[in-house]
Amino acid sequence: MIVITGATGRLGSQIVDRLLQRVPAGQVGVSVRDTDRAGDLAARGVRVRRGDFTDPGSLAEAFEGATQVLIISTSQTGEAALNQHVTAIEAARDAGARRILYTSHQGAAEDSLFAPMPDHATTERYLEKTGTPFTALRNGFYADTVRLLLGQALETGELVAPADGPVSWTAHADLAEAAAVILADEGRFDGRTPPLTAPVALDLQDVARIVTELTGHTISRVVAGDAEWAATLVGRGVPEQQADLLLGMFRAARRGEFATTGPELESLLRRPATPLRSVLEDVTGRG
């Protein structure tokens, strides 16, 4: 049985949906914190069990009989994230899974300036120590993040953000399909995958240009100072810790941490990856 955690989330739900196109529902199980939200999956024949990264006992039941477990990384950072990832990895190993998969990131690195990236790198190192075969999915940066970075640009005509750099913006749907392909073809990748990204990396100047083309209204890229931008977020009610986290993303981007791209995603999909332009068409309603 293939067990997927976080199966009611943005990425997990799409992975399950695409996996069900490749394997019988009776071979798929999900581990979710709220089983009521997975009623549609149960109706399709998927095994639904409660599993919480902070409750090892629940994971033992959720992972029972698993041949593969896909652990979708938590939204936490730092010690909280690592504790949850380790708990899930140990539960998968103890359940006898033949392979543990983990949604890592193309930019995973111990010295990254963006807080989630060292967490991914540390989790990958822990996976290496378990003795169980593993696959770390080196996913590209979620393209939907651009929706947030646009801010009020469509109203003001200015995309205001700190200095940035090229980013491998990659669609959730593409990453979900790639994960399903890898799960259905067990052992296709051992260890860390090559970068699973769209084939090009774009910065916010590129985003402003594309939005200008789509809307017919000029969107100017305005570079804000780091402290000024973070202070503006805090002034709008964003917690200071969250503002600092987001600022780290820009600092990492302009250091080139998210510029890596590769052909492997398109090879898995057997089609072109979804371009950022398509995501922006949806955002602007010009699709």
Protein backbone atom coordinates (compact mmCIF):
# COMPACT_ATOMS: atom_id res chain seq x y z
CA MET A 1 0.00 0.00 0.00
CA ILE A 2 1.14 3.54 -0.83
CA VAL A 3 0.41 5.95 2.03
CA ILE A 4 0.41 9.71 1.50
CA THR A 5 0.41 12.22 4.35
CA GLY A 6 -1.26 15.62 4.19
CA ALA A 7 -3.65 14.26 1.60
CA THR A 8 -6.24 16.99 2.04
CA GLY A 9 -3.73 19.79 1.49
CA ARG A 10 -2.98 21.69 -1.71
CA LEU A 11 -0.24 19.37 -2.94
CA GLY A 12 -1.26 16.13 -1.25
CA SER A 13 -4.81 16.12 -2.60
CA GLN A 14 -3.54 16.51 -6.15
CA ILE A 15 -0.96 13.76 -5.69
CA VAL A 16 -3.65 11.35 -4.52
CA ASP A 17 -5.92 12.28 -7.41
CA ARG A 18 -3.20 11.64 -9.98
CA LEU A 19 -2.00 8.46 -8.28
CA LEU A 20 -5.52 7.05 -8.49
CA GLN A 21 -5.22 7.36 -12.26
CA ARG A 22 -2.29 4.94 -12.11
CA VAL A 23 -2.99 2.39 -9.36
CA PRO A 24 -6.17 0.84 -7.89
CA ALA A 25 -7.73 2.77 -5.00
CA GLY A 26 -7.34 -0.27 -2.75
CA GLN A 27 -3.56 0.19 -2.96
CA VAL A 28 -3.70 3.79 -1.72
CA GLY A 29 -3.97 5.03 1.84
CA VAL A 30 -3.92 8.54 3.27
CA SER A 31 -2.82 9.91 6.61
CA VAL A 32 -4.74 13.05 7.54
CA ARG A 33 -5.28 15.01 10.72
CA ASP A 34 -9.02 15.37 10.07
CA THR A 35 -10.58 12.28 8.53
CA ASP A 36 -13.87 14.11 7.96
CA ARG A 37 -12.16 16.18 5.28
CA ALA A 38 -11.19 13.01 3.39
CA GLY A 39 -14.68 11.60 2.98
CA ASP A 40 -14.52 11.92 -0.79
CA LEU A 41 -11.36 9.80 -0.84
CA ALA A 42 -12.96 7.12 1.32
CA ALA A 43 -15.89 7.06 -1.09
CA ARG A 44 -13.43 6.36 -3.92
CA GLY A 45 -12.04 3.35 -2.07
CA VAL A 46 -8.96 4.94 -0.52
CA ARG A 47 -8.02 3.85 3.01
CA VAL A 48 -8.40 6.90 5.25
CA ARG A 49 -6.78 6.99 8.68
CA ARG A 50 -5.95 9.73 11.13
CA GLY A 51 -2.28 10.61 11.31
CA ASP A 52 -0.67 13.55 13.06
CA PHE A 53 3.07 14.30 12.96
CA THR A 54 2.87 15.30 16.63
CA ASP A 55 1.26 11.98 17.63
CA PRO A 56 3.50 8.97 16.85
CA GLY A 57 0.79 6.51 17.87
CA SER A 58 -1.58 7.84 15.23
CA LEU A 59 1.11 7.49 12.57
CA ALA A 60 1.75 3.86 13.50
CA GLU A 61 -1.87 3.10 12.66
CA ALA A 62 -1.98 5.36 9.61
CA PHE A 63 1.16 3.77 8.12
CA GLU A 64 0.24 0.17 8.92
CA GLY A 65 0.93 -2.12 5.97
CA ALA A 66 2.61 0.61 3.92
CA THR A 67 5.10 -0.38 1.23
CA GLN A 68 5.82 3.27 0.45
CA VAL A 69 5.13 6.38 2.53
CA LEU A 70 5.19 9.86 1.02
CA ILE A 71 5.83 12.45 3.72
CA ILE A 72 4.72 15.91 2.67
CA SER A 73 6.83 18.47 4.51
CA THR A 74 5.18 20.46 7.26
CA SER A 75 4.50 24.19 7.06
CA GLN A 76 6.48 24.70 10.27
CA THR A 77 10.13 25.76 10.33
CA GLY A 78 13.09 25.13 12.58
CA GLU A 79 12.97 22.63 15.44
CA ALA A 80 9.21 22.15 15.13
CA ALA A 81 9.54 21.12 11.48
CA LEU A 82 12.45 18.79 12.12
CA ASN A 83 10.73 17.09 15.04
CA GLN A 84 7.65 16.44 12.94
CA HIS A 85 9.61 15.16 9.97
CA VAL A 86 11.70 12.84 12.14
CA THR A 87 8.58 11.51 13.85
CA ALA A 88 7.01 10.70 10.49
CA ILE A 89 10.20 9.14 9.11
CA GLU A 90 10.62 6.91 12.15
CA ALA A 91 6.97 5.85 12.00
CA ALA A 92 7.32 4.93 8.32
CA ARG A 93 10.48 2.94 9.02
CA ASP A 94 8.90 1.16 11.99
CA ALA A 95 5.84 0.31 9.86
CA GLY A 96 8.15 -1.61 7.53
CA ALA A 97 7.87 0.66 4.50
CA ARG A 98 10.22 -0.38 1.70
CA ARG A 99 10.71 3.24 0.66
CA ILE A 100 10.18 6.62 2.29
CA LEU A 101 9.58 9.63 0.04
CA TYR A 102 9.76 13.24 1.15
CA THR A 103 8.80 16.51 -0.52
CA SER A 104 12.02 18.47 -0.35
CA HIS A 105 13.05 21.48 -2.41
CA GLN A 106 15.36 22.33 -5.26
CA GLY A 107 17.06 24.88 -2.98
CA ALA A 108 17.58 22.60 0.04
CA ALA A 109 20.90 23.58 1.64
CA GLU A 110 22.29 23.91 5.13
CA ASP A 111 23.54 27.45 4.51
CA SER A 112 20.42 28.78 2.79
CA LEU A 113 19.15 32.22 3.74
CA PHE A 114 15.53 30.99 3.53
CA ALA A 115 14.54 29.16 6.73
CA PRO A 116 12.72 26.15 5.21
CA MET A 117 15.73 25.18 3.09
CA PRO A 118 18.07 24.14 5.97
CA ASP A 119 15.11 22.16 7.38
CA HIS A 120 14.81 20.27 4.09
CA ALA A 121 18.56 19.61 4.02
CA THR A 122 18.56 18.32 7.60
CA THR A 123 15.57 16.09 6.91
CA GLU A 124 17.33 14.64 3.87
CA ARG A 125 20.37 13.85 6.01
CA TYR A 126 18.16 12.11 8.55
CA LEU A 127 16.59 10.02 5.81
CA GLU A 128 20.07 8.86 4.81
CA LYS A 129 20.62 7.51 8.32
CA THR A 130 17.46 5.42 8.56
CA GLY A 131 18.74 2.53 6.51
CA THR A 132 15.50 2.51 4.53
CA PRO A 133 15.64 3.38 0.82
CA PHE A 134 14.38 6.91 0.33
CA THR A 135 13.56 9.44 -2.36
CA ALA A 136 13.79 13.17 -1.68
CA LEU A 137 11.72 15.04 -4.26
CA ARG A 138 13.73 18.18 -5.05
CA ASN A 139 10.69 20.24 -6.06
CA GLY A 140 10.83 23.65 -7.67
CA PHE A 141 9.46 26.75 -5.94
CA TYR A 142 5.65 26.76 -5.90
CA ALA A 143 4.46 29.08 -8.65
CA ASP A 144 1.39 30.12 -6.67
CA THR A 145 3.70 32.11 -4.39
CA VAL A 146 3.76 34.75 -7.13
CA ARG A 147 0.10 35.49 -6.36
CA LEU A 148 1.18 36.76 -2.95
CA LEU A 149 4.21 38.62 -4.24
CA LEU A 150 2.09 40.61 -6.68
CA GLY A 151 0.47 42.33 -3.74
CA GLN A 152 -1.59 45.28 -4.98
CA ALA A 153 0.23 45.53 -8.31
CA LEU A 154 -2.93 45.05 -10.39
CA GLU A 155 -4.52 48.05 -8.66
CA THR A 156 -1.50 50.33 -8.26
CA GLY A 157 0.51 49.43 -11.36
CA GLU A 158 3.58 48.81 -9.19
CA LEU A 159 5.01 45.45 -8.13
CA VAL A 160 6.79 46.47 -4.94
CA ALA A 161 9.17 43.99 -3.33
CA PRO A 162 12.80 43.69 -2.20
CA ALA A 163 15.54 42.93 -4.70
CA ASP A 164 15.19 39.35 -5.88
CA GLY A 165 16.66 36.88 -8.36
CA PRO A 166 15.55 34.17 -10.79
CA VAL A 167 13.28 31.50 -9.30
CA SER A 168 12.26 28.11 -10.71
CA TRP A 169 8.53 28.80 -10.42
CA THR A 170 6.80 25.39 -10.76
CA ALA A 171 3.09 24.53 -10.70
CA HIS A 172 1.58 22.40 -7.92
CA ALA A 173 -0.23 20.30 -10.52
CA ASP A 174 3.01 19.41 -12.30
CA LEU A 175 4.77 18.46 -9.07
CA ALA A 176 1.77 16.39 -8.00
CA GLU A 177 1.75 14.49 -11.27
CA ALA A 178 5.50 13.87 -11.06
CA ALA A 179 5.15 12.54 -7.51
CA ALA A 180 2.38 10.19 -8.65
CA VAL A 181 4.55 8.90 -11.50
CA ILE A 182 7.43 8.24 -9.10
CA LEU A 183 5.18 6.51 -6.56
CA ALA A 184 3.64 4.29 -9.22
CA ASP A 185 7.11 3.33 -10.49
CA GLU A 186 8.70 2.38 -7.17
CA GLY A 187 12.45 2.87 -7.00
CA ARG A 188 12.67 5.11 -10.04
CA PHE A 189 14.82 7.51 -8.04
CA ASP A 190 17.01 6.51 -5.13
CA GLY A 191 18.12 9.34 -2.85
CA ARG A 192 17.77 12.93 -3.98
CA THR A 193 16.10 13.51 -7.33
CA PRO A 194 17.45 15.95 -9.91
CA PRO A 195 15.70 19.35 -9.73
CA LEU A 196 12.00 18.88 -10.51
CA THR A 197 11.35 22.32 -11.92
CA ALA A 198 9.95 24.27 -14.81
CA PRO A 199 12.67 24.68 -17.47
CA VAL A 200 13.25 28.40 -16.89
CA ALA A 201 13.79 30.65 -13.88
CA LEU A 202 12.17 34.08 -13.82
CA ASP A 203 12.48 37.08 -11.52
CA LEU A 204 9.90 39.68 -10.56
CA GLN A 205 10.93 41.94 -13.42
CA ASP A 206 9.84 39.10 -15.70
CA VAL A 207 6.61 38.77 -13.73
CA ALA A 208 5.86 42.48 -14.15
CA ARG A 209 6.52 42.20 -17.89
CA ILE A 210 4.21 39.20 -18.30
CA VAL A 211 1.41 40.81 -16.31
CA THR A 212 1.80 43.97 -18.41
CA GLU A 213 1.43 41.90 -21.58
CA LEU A 214 -1.60 40.05 -20.24
CA THR A 215 -3.50 43.05 -18.93
CA GLY A 216 -2.41 45.76 -21.35
CA HIS A 217 -1.65 47.96 -18.34
CA THR A 218 1.91 48.82 -17.41
CA ILE A 219 3.11 47.10 -14.23
CA SER A 220 6.38 48.57 -13.03
CA ARG A 221 8.83 46.61 -10.90
CA VAL A 222 9.72 48.76 -7.88
CA VAL A 223 12.57 47.58 -5.65
CA ALA A 224 11.96 48.29 -1.97
CA GLY A 225 14.56 48.22 0.77
CA ASP A 226 14.51 45.09 2.89
CA ALA A 227 13.74 46.83 6.19
CA GLU A 228 11.17 49.13 4.59
CA TRP A 229 9.33 46.23 2.97
CA ALA A 230 9.31 44.11 6.12
CA ALA A 231 8.07 47.08 8.16
CA THR A 232 5.23 47.61 5.69
CA LEU A 233 4.14 43.99 6.12
CA VAL A 234 4.21 44.28 9.89
CA GLY A 235 2.19 47.48 9.61
CA ARG A 236 -0.45 45.51 7.71
CA GLY A 237 -0.71 42.97 10.51
CA VAL A 238 1.78 40.35 9.38
CA PRO A 239 3.66 38.93 12.40
CA GLU A 240 7.26 40.11 12.52
CA GLN A 241 8.56 36.54 12.48
CA GLN A 242 6.62 35.82 9.28
CA ALA A 243 7.88 39.03 7.67
CA ASP A 244 11.47 38.03 8.46
CA LEU A 245 10.84 34.58 6.99
CA LEU A 246 9.56 36.09 3.74
CA LEU A 247 12.48 38.50 3.60
CA GLY A 248 14.80 35.50 3.77
CA MET A 249 13.21 34.20 0.58
CA PHE A 250 14.25 37.35 -1.29
CA ARG A 251 17.76 37.28 0.14
CA ALA A 252 18.13 33.66 -0.92
CA ALA A 253 16.72 34.37 -4.39
CA ARG A 254 19.15 37.17 -5.13
CA ARG A 255 21.99 34.87 -4.05
CA GLY A 256 20.83 32.50 -6.78
CA GLU A 257 19.57 29.76 -4.49
CA PHE A 258 16.39 29.12 -6.49
CA ALA A 259 17.74 29.63 -10.01
CA THR A 260 18.55 25.97 -10.67
CA THR A 261 16.36 24.31 -13.30
CA GLY A 262 16.43 20.99 -15.09
CA PRO A 263 14.69 18.79 -17.67
CA GLU A 264 13.68 15.97 -15.32
CA LEU A 265 10.19 17.24 -14.51
CA GLU A 266 9.19 17.47 -18.14
CA SER A 267 10.71 14.05 -18.73
CA LEU A 268 8.51 12.57 -16.00
CA LEU A 269 5.42 14.40 -17.27
CA ARG A 270 6.14 13.58 -20.92
CA ARG A 271 4.91 17.06 -21.76
CA PRO A 272 6.00 20.67 -21.26
CA ALA A 273 5.81 21.98 -17.71
CA THR A 274 3.15 24.60 -16.95
CA PRO A 275 4.71 28.03 -17.64
CA LEU A 276 4.42 30.80 -15.08
CA ARG A 277 2.50 32.76 -17.70
CA SER A 278 -0.40 30.28 -17.33
CA VAL A 279 -0.49 30.88 -13.57
CA LEU A 280 -0.51 34.63 -14.16
CA GLU A 281 -3.30 34.29 -16.72
CA ASP A 282 -5.40 32.77 -13.96
CA VAL A 283 -4.41 35.49 -11.48
CA THR A 284 -5.29 38.28 -13.89
CA GLY A 285 -8.36 36.60 -15.36
CA ARG A 286 -6.84 36.84 -18.82
CA GLY A 287 -6.57 33.12 -19.53
